[in-house]
Amino acid sequence: MAMSGGGPVSGRRRHRPAAEINVTPLVDVMLVLLIIFMVTAPMMTSGVNVDLPKTSASPVNTDSKPITVSLRSDGSLFLGDDPVTSEELITRLKQAADNDSSRRIFVRADAKIDYGQVMRVMGQITTGGFSHVALLAQQPQTGP
């Protein structure tokens, strides 16, 4: 290559590769991880398998973590993940709530369970002094 009179070099210049990080794959991986955590986080709230009835009501917003009472179709009763008897339910609820009667209690019951059993457990909880008792139901799957 010839230089003419101190001017710029004629012909093609050699470009060095840019030392930049492509963040697009990183963003894609982070979004996939975010979606995975958003889907799996609600499934980790309770370990007791209960077939919840479906409803179209909107979910309740809560400030503090509620106490969950689960009732299976075979009549077994659970406080969180621990099995309890109906006689010791109120004592264990008061221990879990630190004697705070305004604490939210969620009752989860199997879809095929007798309605009277659910009402008996809810009546037992309200008689024990808890005023914020609610039933949990599974949200129906909406089509595309």
Protein backbone atom coordinates (compact mmCIF):
# COMPACT_ATOMS: atom_id res chain seq x y z
CA MET A 1 0.00 0.00 0.00
CA ALA A 2 1.32 3.30 -0.95
CA MET A 3 0.94 6.47 1.02
CA SER A 4 0.37 9.63 -0.89
CA GLY A 5 1.64 12.80 0.67
CA GLY A 6 0.97 12.05 4.31
CA GLY A 7 -2.78 11.58 3.79
CA PRO A 8 -4.91 8.80 5.14
CA VAL A 9 -4.13 5.23 4.22
CA SER A 10 -5.99 4.22 1.14
CA GLY A 11 -7.77 0.89 0.85
CA ARG A 12 -9.68 -1.05 3.48
CA ARG A 13 -9.04 -0.48 7.13
CA ARG A 14 -8.79 -3.38 9.48
CA HIS A 15 -11.51 -3.32 12.14
CA ARG A 16 -10.87 -4.87 15.47
CA PRO A 17 -13.71 -6.90 16.99
CA ALA A 18 -15.68 -4.86 19.52
CA ALA A 19 -15.15 -5.89 23.13
CA GLU A 20 -18.82 -5.66 24.13
CA ILE A 21 -20.98 -8.19 25.97
CA ASN A 22 -24.20 -9.23 24.29
CA VAL A 23 -26.78 -9.04 27.11
CA THR A 24 -29.73 -10.41 25.12
CA PRO A 25 -29.10 -14.08 26.08
CA LEU A 26 -28.64 -13.03 29.71
CA VAL A 27 -31.99 -11.21 29.69
CA ASP A 28 -33.66 -14.25 28.09
CA VAL A 29 -32.31 -16.57 30.79
CA MET A 30 -33.38 -14.19 33.57
CA LEU A 31 -36.92 -13.93 32.19
CA VAL A 32 -37.21 -17.73 32.00
CA LEU A 33 -36.00 -18.03 35.60
CA LEU A 34 -38.45 -15.35 36.71
CA ILE A 35 -41.35 -17.19 35.09
CA ILE A 36 -40.28 -20.49 36.67
CA PHE A 37 -40.13 -18.93 40.14
CA MET A 38 -43.48 -17.18 39.66
CA VAL A 39 -45.12 -20.48 38.73
CA THR A 40 -43.52 -22.60 41.45
CA ALA A 41 -43.76 -20.16 44.39
CA PRO A 42 -47.54 -20.56 44.97
CA MET A 43 -47.15 -24.34 44.90
CA MET A 44 -44.80 -24.27 47.88
CA THR A 45 -47.30 -22.74 50.34
CA SER A 46 -48.56 -26.02 51.76
CA GLY A 47 -47.46 -29.62 51.37
CA VAL A 48 -50.84 -31.28 52.01
CA ASN A 49 -52.55 -32.43 48.80
CA VAL A 50 -56.16 -31.25 48.78
CA ASP A 51 -58.46 -31.21 45.75
CA LEU A 52 -59.82 -27.63 46.00
CA PRO A 53 -63.18 -26.68 44.48
CA LYS A 54 -63.08 -24.14 41.65
CA THR A 55 -64.56 -20.63 41.84
CA SER A 56 -64.41 -17.41 39.85
CA ALA A 57 -64.02 -15.11 42.88
CA SER A 58 -60.97 -12.86 43.02
CA PRO A 59 -58.23 -13.77 45.52
CA VAL A 60 -58.06 -12.00 48.88
CA ASN A 61 -55.14 -9.64 49.55
CA THR A 62 -53.52 -10.23 52.94
CA ASP A 63 -51.01 -8.24 54.93
CA SER A 64 -49.63 -11.03 57.13
CA LYS A 65 -49.13 -14.70 56.39
CA PRO A 66 -52.37 -16.56 57.14
CA ILE A 67 -52.65 -19.82 59.05
CA THR A 68 -53.94 -22.66 56.87
CA VAL A 69 -56.23 -25.40 58.17
CA SER A 70 -56.65 -28.28 55.69
CA LEU A 71 -59.43 -30.87 55.72
CA ARG A 72 -59.06 -33.99 53.58
CA SER A 73 -61.86 -36.15 52.20
CA ASP A 74 -61.03 -38.93 54.70
CA GLY A 75 -61.73 -36.52 57.59
CA SER A 76 -58.08 -35.91 58.56
CA LEU A 77 -57.32 -32.39 59.76
CA PHE A 78 -54.05 -30.48 59.26
CA LEU A 79 -52.74 -27.22 60.70
CA GLY A 80 -50.26 -26.07 58.06
CA ASP A 81 -48.46 -29.34 57.25
CA ASP A 82 -48.92 -30.94 60.69
CA PRO A 83 -51.79 -33.35 61.40
CA VAL A 84 -54.03 -32.36 64.34
CA THR A 85 -57.15 -33.72 65.96
CA SER A 86 -60.31 -31.63 66.20
CA GLU A 87 -59.93 -31.51 70.02
CA GLU A 88 -56.49 -29.89 69.89
CA LEU A 89 -57.19 -27.65 66.86
CA ILE A 90 -58.07 -24.48 68.82
CA THR A 91 -55.13 -24.82 71.23
CA ARG A 92 -52.70 -25.29 68.35
CA LEU A 93 -54.29 -22.37 66.43
CA LYS A 94 -53.86 -20.06 69.41
CA GLN A 95 -50.21 -21.14 69.71
CA ALA A 96 -49.60 -20.54 65.98
CA ALA A 97 -51.34 -17.14 66.10
CA ASP A 98 -49.64 -16.07 69.35
CA ASN A 99 -53.12 -15.52 70.89
CA ASP A 100 -53.92 -12.93 68.19
CA SER A 101 -57.63 -13.43 67.43
CA SER A 102 -57.49 -11.06 64.43
CA ARG A 103 -55.07 -13.35 62.56
CA ARG A 104 -56.43 -14.71 59.25
CA ILE A 105 -57.33 -18.40 59.16
CA PHE A 106 -57.73 -20.08 55.75
CA VAL A 107 -59.69 -23.33 55.60
CA ARG A 108 -58.83 -25.62 52.69
CA ALA A 109 -61.15 -28.57 52.16
CA ASP A 110 -61.34 -31.35 49.59
CA ALA A 111 -63.90 -30.71 46.83
CA LYS A 112 -65.69 -34.01 47.52
CA ILE A 113 -65.96 -33.57 51.28
CA ASP A 114 -69.26 -33.26 53.16
CA TYR A 115 -70.31 -29.62 53.59
CA GLY A 116 -71.26 -30.29 57.22
CA GLN A 117 -67.69 -31.28 58.10
CA VAL A 118 -66.34 -28.02 56.67
CA MET A 119 -68.94 -25.97 58.55
CA ARG A 120 -68.20 -27.87 61.77
CA VAL A 121 -64.48 -27.02 61.52
CA MET A 122 -65.23 -23.37 60.66
CA GLY A 123 -67.68 -23.14 63.56
CA GLN A 124 -65.10 -24.64 65.87
CA ILE A 125 -62.54 -22.03 64.76
CA THR A 126 -64.93 -19.08 65.19
CA THR A 127 -66.08 -20.41 68.58
CA GLY A 128 -62.40 -20.49 69.56
CA GLY A 129 -62.31 -16.69 69.17
CA PHE A 130 -60.96 -16.22 65.65
CA SER A 131 -63.00 -13.73 63.61
CA HIS A 132 -61.21 -13.76 60.24
CA VAL A 133 -61.94 -17.21 58.83
CA ALA A 134 -62.11 -17.76 55.06
CA LEU A 135 -62.50 -20.69 52.68
CA LEU A 136 -59.90 -21.29 49.99
CA ALA A 137 -60.82 -22.37 46.47
CA GLN A 138 -58.79 -23.03 43.34
CA GLN A 139 -59.04 -20.52 40.48
CA PRO A 140 -60.46 -22.10 37.30
CA GLN A 141 -58.18 -22.46 34.30
CA THR A 142 -59.17 -19.99 31.60
CA GLY A 143 -58.82 -20.95 27.93
CA PRO A 144 -56.84 -18.91 25.37
